[in-house]
Amino acid sequence: MAKRKGRNDFDYSLLMTKNEAAELTGVSVPWFDDNIKPCPSLPKVKVGTKTRYPRDPFVEWMGKNWELFK
C-alpha cells in the first residue's frame, strides 16, 4: 500500500493526478488502475488529454465505496 507521507485530505490538489489519488486512498498506482479507475461512478474530469480526480468529490466517493478498499 502507498504511504500518505503525513498528509491530510486538504494537502492534495483540488484536481488530483492518478498518483495523488492512489496515495490518498493508500493503494499502489497499479492497484488503483486495476480496481478503482474502472468504476463508472468514480468522479473524474478530462483536462486536455489528461484525467484528473476532483479531490472533494473523490473523498466523498471513497466514503460511499469503501468496500472496494477491503
PDB file of N, CA and C in Angstrom:
ATOM      1  N   MET A   1       0.830  -1.180   0.000  1.00  0.00           N
ATOM      2  CA  MET A   1       0.000   0.000   0.000  1.00  0.00           C
ATOM      3  C   MET A   1       0.878   1.247   0.000  1.00  0.00           C
ATOM      4  N   ALA A   2       0.407   2.270  -0.660  1.00  0.00           N
ATOM      5  CA  ALA A   2       1.149   3.524  -0.747  1.00  0.00           C
ATOM      6  C   ALA A   2       1.047   4.280   0.577  1.00  0.00           C
ATOM      7  N   LYS A   3       2.006   5.136   0.833  1.00  0.00           N
ATOM      8  CA  LYS A   3       2.002   5.931   2.052  1.00  0.00           C
ATOM      9  C   LYS A   3       1.522   7.339   1.741  1.00  0.00           C
ATOM     10  N   ARG A   4       0.801   7.928   2.692  1.00  0.00           N
ATOM     11  CA  ARG A   4       0.281   9.279   2.519  1.00  0.00           C
ATOM     12  C   ARG A   4       1.287  10.334   2.957  1.00  0.00           C
ATOM     13  N   LYS A   5       2.413   9.929   3.460  1.00  0.00           N
ATOM     14  CA  LYS A   5       3.504  10.844   3.812  1.00  0.00           C
ATOM     15  C   LYS A   5       3.067  11.930   4.798  1.00  0.00           C
ATOM     16  N   GLY A   6       2.202  11.579   5.744  1.00  0.00           N
ATOM     17  CA  GLY A   6       1.779  12.536   6.758  1.00  0.00           C
ATOM     18  C   GLY A   6       0.857  13.622   6.251  1.00  0.00           C
ATOM     19  N   ARG A   7       0.294  13.449   5.083  1.00  0.00           N
ATOM     20  CA  ARG A   7      -0.587  14.460   4.502  1.00  0.00           C
ATOM     21  C   ARG A   7      -2.027  14.197   4.926  1.00  0.00           C
ATOM     22  N   ASN A   8      -2.817  15.270   5.002  1.00  0.00           N
ATOM     23  CA  ASN A   8      -4.247  15.073   5.196  1.00  0.00           C
ATOM     24  C   ASN A   8      -4.953  15.399   3.880  1.00  0.00           C
ATOM     25  N   ASP A   9      -6.256  15.179   3.836  1.00  0.00           N
ATOM     26  CA  ASP A   9      -7.002  15.327   2.583  1.00  0.00           C
ATOM     27  C   ASP A   9      -6.801  16.691   1.927  1.00  0.00           C
ATOM     28  N   PHE A  10      -6.716  17.745   2.732  1.00  0.00           N
ATOM     29  CA  PHE A  10      -6.629  19.090   2.178  1.00  0.00           C
ATOM     30  C   PHE A  10      -5.233  19.454   1.671  1.00  0.00           C
ATOM     31  N   ASP A  11      -4.258  18.583   1.882  1.00  0.00           N
ATOM     32  CA  ASP A  11      -2.918  18.816   1.346  1.00  0.00           C
ATOM     33  C   ASP A  11      -2.821  18.423  -0.125  1.00  0.00           C
ATOM     34  N   TYR A  12      -3.849  17.753  -0.637  1.00  0.00           N
ATOM     35  CA  TYR A  12      -3.842  17.301  -2.027  1.00  0.00           C
ATOM     36  C   TYR A  12      -4.448  18.365  -2.934  1.00  0.00           C
ATOM     37  N   SER A  13      -4.041  18.375  -4.197  1.00  0.00           N
ATOM     38  CA  SER A  13      -4.545  19.328  -5.187  1.00  0.00           C
ATOM     39  C   SER A  13      -6.054  19.209  -5.318  1.00  0.00           C
ATOM     40  N   LEU A  14      -6.699  20.312  -5.711  1.00  0.00           N
ATOM     41  CA  LEU A  14      -8.139  20.252  -5.975  1.00  0.00           C
ATOM     42  C   LEU A  14      -8.441  19.307  -7.129  1.00  0.00           C
ATOM     43  N   LEU A  15      -7.561  19.261  -8.119  1.00  0.00           N
ATOM     44  CA  LEU A  15      -7.660  18.300  -9.217  1.00  0.00           C
ATOM     45  C   LEU A  15      -6.434  17.401  -9.130  1.00  0.00           C
ATOM     46  N   MET A  16      -6.623  16.218  -8.584  1.00  0.00           N
ATOM     47  CA  MET A  16      -5.503  15.321  -8.310  1.00  0.00           C
ATOM     48  C   MET A  16      -5.108  14.505  -9.534  1.00  0.00           C
ATOM     49  N   THR A  17      -3.836  14.197  -9.601  1.00  0.00           N
ATOM     50  CA  THR A  17      -3.344  13.248 -10.595  1.00  0.00           C
ATOM     51  C   THR A  17      -3.686  11.834 -10.120  1.00  0.00           C
ATOM     52  N   LYS A  18      -3.483  10.861 -10.992  1.00  0.00           N
ATOM     53  CA  LYS A  18      -3.705   9.465 -10.618  1.00  0.00           C
ATOM     54  C   LYS A  18      -2.801   9.074  -9.448  1.00  0.00           C
ATOM     55  N   ASN A  19      -1.565   9.525  -9.463  1.00  0.00           N
ATOM     56  CA  ASN A  19      -0.632   9.197  -8.379  1.00  0.00           C
ATOM     57  C   ASN A  19      -1.117   9.761  -7.046  1.00  0.00           C
ATOM     58  N   GLU A  20      -1.612  11.008  -7.060  1.00  0.00           N
ATOM     59  CA  GLU A  20      -2.132  11.612  -5.833  1.00  0.00           C
ATOM     60  C   GLU A  20      -3.378  10.877  -5.350  1.00  0.00           C
ATOM     61  N   ALA A  21      -4.261  10.515  -6.280  1.00  0.00           N
ATOM     62  CA  ALA A  21      -5.485   9.797  -5.908  1.00  0.00           C
ATOM     63  C   ALA A  21      -5.141   8.442  -5.298  1.00  0.00           C
ATOM     64  N   ALA A  22      -4.176   7.752  -5.877  1.00  0.00           N
ATOM     65  CA  ALA A  22      -3.750   6.462  -5.327  1.00  0.00           C
ATOM     66  C   ALA A  22      -3.148   6.654  -3.938  1.00  0.00           C
ATOM     67  N   GLU A  23      -2.311   7.668  -3.785  1.00  0.00           N
ATOM     68  CA  GLU A  23      -1.698   7.940  -2.482  1.00  0.00           C
ATOM     69  C   GLU A  23      -2.763   8.268  -1.445  1.00  0.00           C
ATOM     70  N   LEU A  24      -3.737   9.088  -1.817  1.00  0.00           N
ATOM     71  CA  LEU A  24      -4.807   9.466  -0.896  1.00  0.00           C
ATOM     72  C   LEU A  24      -5.593   8.247  -0.432  1.00  0.00           C
ATOM     73  N   THR A  25      -5.833   7.305  -1.317  1.00  0.00           N
ATOM     74  CA  THR A  25      -6.576   6.099  -0.951  1.00  0.00           C
ATOM     75  C   THR A  25      -5.697   5.075  -0.248  1.00  0.00           C
ATOM     76  N   GLY A  26      -4.387   5.249  -0.314  1.00  0.00           N
ATOM     77  CA  GLY A  26      -3.477   4.329   0.363  1.00  0.00           C
ATOM     78  C   GLY A  26      -3.201   3.058  -0.415  1.00  0.00           C
ATOM     79  N   VAL A  27      -3.328   3.136  -1.736  1.00  0.00           N
ATOM     80  CA  VAL A  27      -3.077   1.959  -2.575  1.00  0.00           C
ATOM     81  C   VAL A  27      -1.987   2.287  -3.587  1.00  0.00           C
ATOM     82  N   SER A  28      -1.445   1.258  -4.204  1.00  0.00           N
ATOM     83  CA  SER A  28      -0.434   1.474  -5.241  1.00  0.00           C
ATOM     84  C   SER A  28      -1.116   1.950  -6.526  1.00  0.00           C
ATOM     85  N   VAL A  29      -0.346   2.568  -7.404  1.00  0.00           N
ATOM     86  CA  VAL A  29      -0.887   3.028  -8.686  1.00  0.00           C
ATOM     87  C   VAL A  29      -1.405   1.852  -9.516  1.00  0.00           C
ATOM     88  N   PRO A  30      -0.683   0.725  -9.608  1.00  0.00           N
ATOM     89  CA  PRO A  30      -1.243  -0.407 -10.362  1.00  0.00           C
ATOM     90  C   PRO A  30      -2.565  -0.920  -9.777  1.00  0.00           C
ATOM     91  N   TRP A  31      -2.674  -0.955  -8.439  1.00  0.00           N
ATOM     92  CA  TRP A  31      -3.920  -1.397  -7.811  1.00  0.00           C
ATOM     93  C   TRP A  31      -5.033  -0.401  -8.122  1.00  0.00           C
ATOM     94  N   PHE A  32      -4.723   0.883  -8.082  1.00  0.00           N
ATOM     95  CA  PHE A  32      -5.686   1.929  -8.436  1.00  0.00           C
ATOM     96  C   PHE A  32      -6.167   1.718  -9.873  1.00  0.00           C
ATOM     97  N   ASP A  33      -5.225   1.492 -10.795  1.00  0.00           N
ATOM     98  CA  ASP A  33      -5.573   1.277 -12.206  1.00  0.00           C
ATOM     99  C   ASP A  33      -6.494   0.072 -12.388  1.00  0.00           C
ATOM    100  N   ASP A  34      -6.223  -0.996 -11.659  1.00  0.00           N
ATOM    101  CA  ASP A  34      -6.982  -2.240 -11.826  1.00  0.00           C
ATOM    102  C   ASP A  34      -8.331  -2.236 -11.119  1.00  0.00           C
ATOM    103  N   ASN A  35      -8.429  -1.579  -9.968  1.00  0.00           N
ATOM    104  CA  ASN A  35      -9.608  -1.727  -9.119  1.00  0.00           C
ATOM    105  C   ASN A  35     -10.462  -0.479  -8.946  1.00  0.00           C
ATOM    106  N   ILE A  36      -9.883   0.684  -9.084  1.00  0.00           N
ATOM    107  CA  ILE A  36     -10.637   1.906  -8.824  1.00  0.00           C
ATOM    108  C   ILE A  36     -10.945   2.662 -10.113  1.00  0.00           C
ATOM    109  N   LYS A  37      -9.959   2.828 -10.940  1.00  0.00           N
ATOM    110  CA  LYS A  37     -10.120   3.591 -12.180  1.00  0.00           C
ATOM    111  C   LYS A  37     -11.274   3.089 -13.056  1.00  0.00           C
ATOM    112  N   PRO A  38     -11.529   1.764 -13.137  1.00  0.00           N
ATOM    113  CA  PRO A  38     -12.627   1.283 -13.987  1.00  0.00           C
ATOM    114  C   PRO A  38     -14.036   1.586 -13.454  1.00  0.00           C
ATOM    115  N   CYS A  39     -14.174   2.021 -12.209  1.00  0.00           N
ATOM    116  CA  CYS A  39     -15.502   2.256 -11.631  1.00  0.00           C
ATOM    117  C   CYS A  39     -16.206   3.402 -12.356  1.00  0.00           C
ATOM    118  N   PRO A  40     -17.391   3.144 -12.912  1.00  0.00           N
ATOM    119  CA  PRO A  40     -18.087   4.183 -13.675  1.00  0.00           C
ATOM    120  C   PRO A  40     -18.520   5.373 -12.822  1.00  0.00           C
ATOM    121  N   SER A  41     -18.722   5.162 -11.519  1.00  0.00           N
ATOM    122  CA  SER A  41     -19.170   6.262 -10.661  1.00  0.00           C
ATOM    123  C   SER A  41     -18.018   7.108 -10.122  1.00  0.00           C
ATOM    124  N   LEU A  42     -16.782   6.732 -10.425  1.00  0.00           N
ATOM    125  CA  LEU A  42     -15.612   7.467  -9.946  1.00  0.00           C
ATOM    126  C   LEU A  42     -15.616   8.886 -10.511  1.00  0.00           C
ATOM    127  N   PRO A  43     -15.568   9.917  -9.644  1.00  0.00           N
ATOM    128  CA  PRO A  43     -15.547  11.286 -10.154  1.00  0.00           C
ATOM    129  C   PRO A  43     -14.211  11.604 -10.826  1.00  0.00           C
ATOM    130  N   LYS A  44     -14.288  12.012 -12.078  1.00  0.00           N
ATOM    131  CA  LYS A  44     -13.077  12.364 -12.825  1.00  0.00           C
ATOM    132  C   LYS A  44     -13.436  13.383 -13.889  1.00  0.00           C
ATOM    133  N   VAL A  45     -12.457  14.162 -14.280  1.00  0.00           N
ATOM    134  CA  VAL A  45     -12.637  15.160 -15.333  1.00  0.00           C
ATOM    135  C   VAL A  45     -11.461  15.071 -16.292  1.00  0.00           C
ATOM    136  N   LYS A  46     -11.706  15.423 -17.518  1.00  0.00           N
ATOM    137  CA  LYS A  46     -10.643  15.486 -18.521  1.00  0.00           C
ATOM    138  C   LYS A  46     -10.121  16.916 -18.568  1.00  0.00           C
ATOM    139  N   VAL A  47      -8.824  17.057 -18.500  1.00  0.00           N
ATOM    140  CA  VAL A  47      -8.152  18.345 -18.654  1.00  0.00           C
ATOM    141  C   VAL A  47      -7.225  18.165 -19.839  1.00  0.00           C
ATOM    142  N   GLY A  48      -7.703  18.583 -21.004  1.00  0.00           N
ATOM    143  CA  GLY A  48      -6.973  18.292 -22.233  1.00  0.00           C
ATOM    144  C   GLY A  48      -7.019  16.797 -22.472  1.00  0.00           C
ATOM    145  N   THR A  49      -5.854  16.178 -22.545  1.00  0.00           N
ATOM    146  CA  THR A  49      -5.789  14.731 -22.757  1.00  0.00           C
ATOM    147  C   THR A  49      -5.602  13.965 -21.447  1.00  0.00           C
ATOM    148  N   LYS A  50      -5.497  14.683 -20.338  1.00  0.00           N
ATOM    149  CA  LYS A  50      -5.211  14.049 -19.047  1.00  0.00           C
ATOM    150  C   LYS A  50      -6.476  13.903 -18.207  1.00  0.00           C
ATOM    151  N   THR A  51      -6.514  12.862 -17.410  1.00  0.00           N
ATOM    152  CA  THR A  51      -7.618  12.648 -16.479  1.00  0.00           C
ATOM    153  C   THR A  51      -7.191  13.135 -15.104  1.00  0.00           C
ATOM    154  N   ARG A  52      -8.069  13.901 -14.474  1.00  0.00           N
ATOM    155  CA  ARG A  52      -7.833  14.391 -13.119  1.00  0.00           C
ATOM    156  C   ARG A  52      -9.009  13.973 -12.248  1.00  0.00           C
ATOM    157  N   TYR A  53      -8.756  13.899 -10.953  1.00  0.00           N
ATOM    158  CA  TYR A  53      -9.743  13.448  -9.987  1.00  0.00           C
ATOM    159  C   TYR A  53     -10.006  14.593  -9.011  1.00  0.00           C
ATOM    160  N   PRO A  54     -11.213  15.185  -9.047  1.00  0.00           N
ATOM    161  CA  PRO A  54     -11.506  16.302  -8.146  1.00  0.00           C
ATOM    162  C   PRO A  54     -11.510  15.824  -6.690  1.00  0.00           C
ATOM    163  N   ARG A  55     -10.660  16.440  -5.891  1.00  0.00           N
ATOM    164  CA  ARG A  55     -10.381  15.965  -4.533  1.00  0.00           C
ATOM    165  C   ARG A  55     -11.632  15.771  -3.673  1.00  0.00           C
ATOM    166  N   ASP A  56     -12.452  16.795  -3.515  1.00  0.00           N
ATOM    167  CA  ASP A  56     -13.572  16.699  -2.580  1.00  0.00           C
ATOM    168  C   ASP A  56     -14.616  15.672  -3.026  1.00  0.00           C
ATOM    169  N   PRO A  57     -15.050  15.677  -4.298  1.00  0.00           N
ATOM    170  CA  PRO A  57     -15.961  14.609  -4.730  1.00  0.00           C
ATOM    171  C   PRO A  57     -15.321  13.220  -4.631  1.00  0.00           C
ATOM    172  N   PHE A  58     -14.009  13.139  -4.862  1.00  0.00           N
ATOM    173  CA  PHE A  58     -13.307  11.859  -4.760  1.00  0.00           C
ATOM    174  C   PHE A  58     -13.341  11.334  -3.324  1.00  0.00           C
ATOM    175  N   VAL A  59     -13.089  12.208  -2.353  1.00  0.00           N
ATOM    176  CA  VAL A  59     -13.117  11.806  -0.941  1.00  0.00           C
ATOM    177  C   VAL A  59     -14.530  11.352  -0.561  1.00  0.00           C
ATOM    178  N   GLU A  60     -15.539  12.077  -1.024  1.00  0.00           N
ATOM    179  CA  GLU A  60     -16.927  11.690  -0.760  1.00  0.00           C
ATOM    180  C   GLU A  60     -17.230  10.331  -1.399  1.00  0.00           C
ATOM    181  N   TRP A  61     -16.770  10.134  -2.626  1.00  0.00           N
ATOM    182  CA  TRP A  61     -16.959   8.865  -3.330  1.00  0.00           C
ATOM    183  C   TRP A  61     -16.300   7.720  -2.554  1.00  0.00           C
ATOM    184  N   MET A  62     -15.101   7.956  -2.019  1.00  0.00           N
ATOM    185  CA  MET A  62     -14.408   6.926  -1.233  1.00  0.00           C
ATOM    186  C   MET A  62     -15.250   6.501  -0.037  1.00  0.00           C
ATOM    187  N   GLY A  63     -15.889   7.467   0.630  1.00  0.00           N
ATOM    188  CA  GLY A  63     -16.730   7.148   1.779  1.00  0.00           C
ATOM    189  C   GLY A  63     -17.916   6.275   1.415  1.00  0.00           C
ATOM    190  N   LYS A  64     -18.447   6.473   0.224  1.00  0.00           N
ATOM    191  CA  LYS A  64     -19.606   5.697  -0.230  1.00  0.00           C
ATOM    192  C   LYS A  64     -19.207   4.351  -0.822  1.00  0.00           C
ATOM    193  N   ASN A  65     -17.960   4.204  -1.224  1.00  0.00           N
ATOM    194  CA  ASN A  65     -17.498   2.992  -1.899  1.00  0.00           C
ATOM    195  C   ASN A  65     -16.357   2.319  -1.148  1.00  0.00           C
ATOM    196  N   TRP A  66     -16.367   2.430   0.152  1.00  0.00           N
ATOM    197  CA  TRP A  66     -15.271   1.921   0.978  1.00  0.00           C
ATOM    198  C   TRP A  66     -15.040   0.428   0.796  1.00  0.00           C
ATOM    199  N   GLU A  67     -16.082  -0.319   0.402  1.00  0.00           N
ATOM    200  CA  GLU A  67     -15.925  -1.768   0.273  1.00  0.00           C
ATOM    201  C   GLU A  67     -14.919  -2.149  -0.811  1.00  0.00           C
ATOM    202  N   LEU A  68     -14.637  -1.253  -1.741  1.00  0.00           N
ATOM    203  CA  LEU A  68     -13.627  -1.521  -2.769  1.00  0.00           C
ATOM    204  C   LEU A  68     -12.220  -1.618  -2.182  1.00  0.00           C
ATOM    205  N   PHE A  69     -12.022  -1.039  -1.012  1.00  0.00           N
ATOM    206  CA  PHE A  69     -10.691  -0.926  -0.429  1.00  0.00           C
ATOM    207  C   PHE A  69     -10.388  -2.014   0.595  1.00  0.00           C
ATOM    208  N   LYS A  70     -11.227  -3.033   0.671  1.00  0.00           N
ATOM    209  CA  LYS A  70     -11.004  -4.126   1.637  1.00  0.00           C
ATOM    210  C   LYS A  70      -9.809  -4.951   1.236  1.00  0.00           C
TER     211      LYS A  70
END
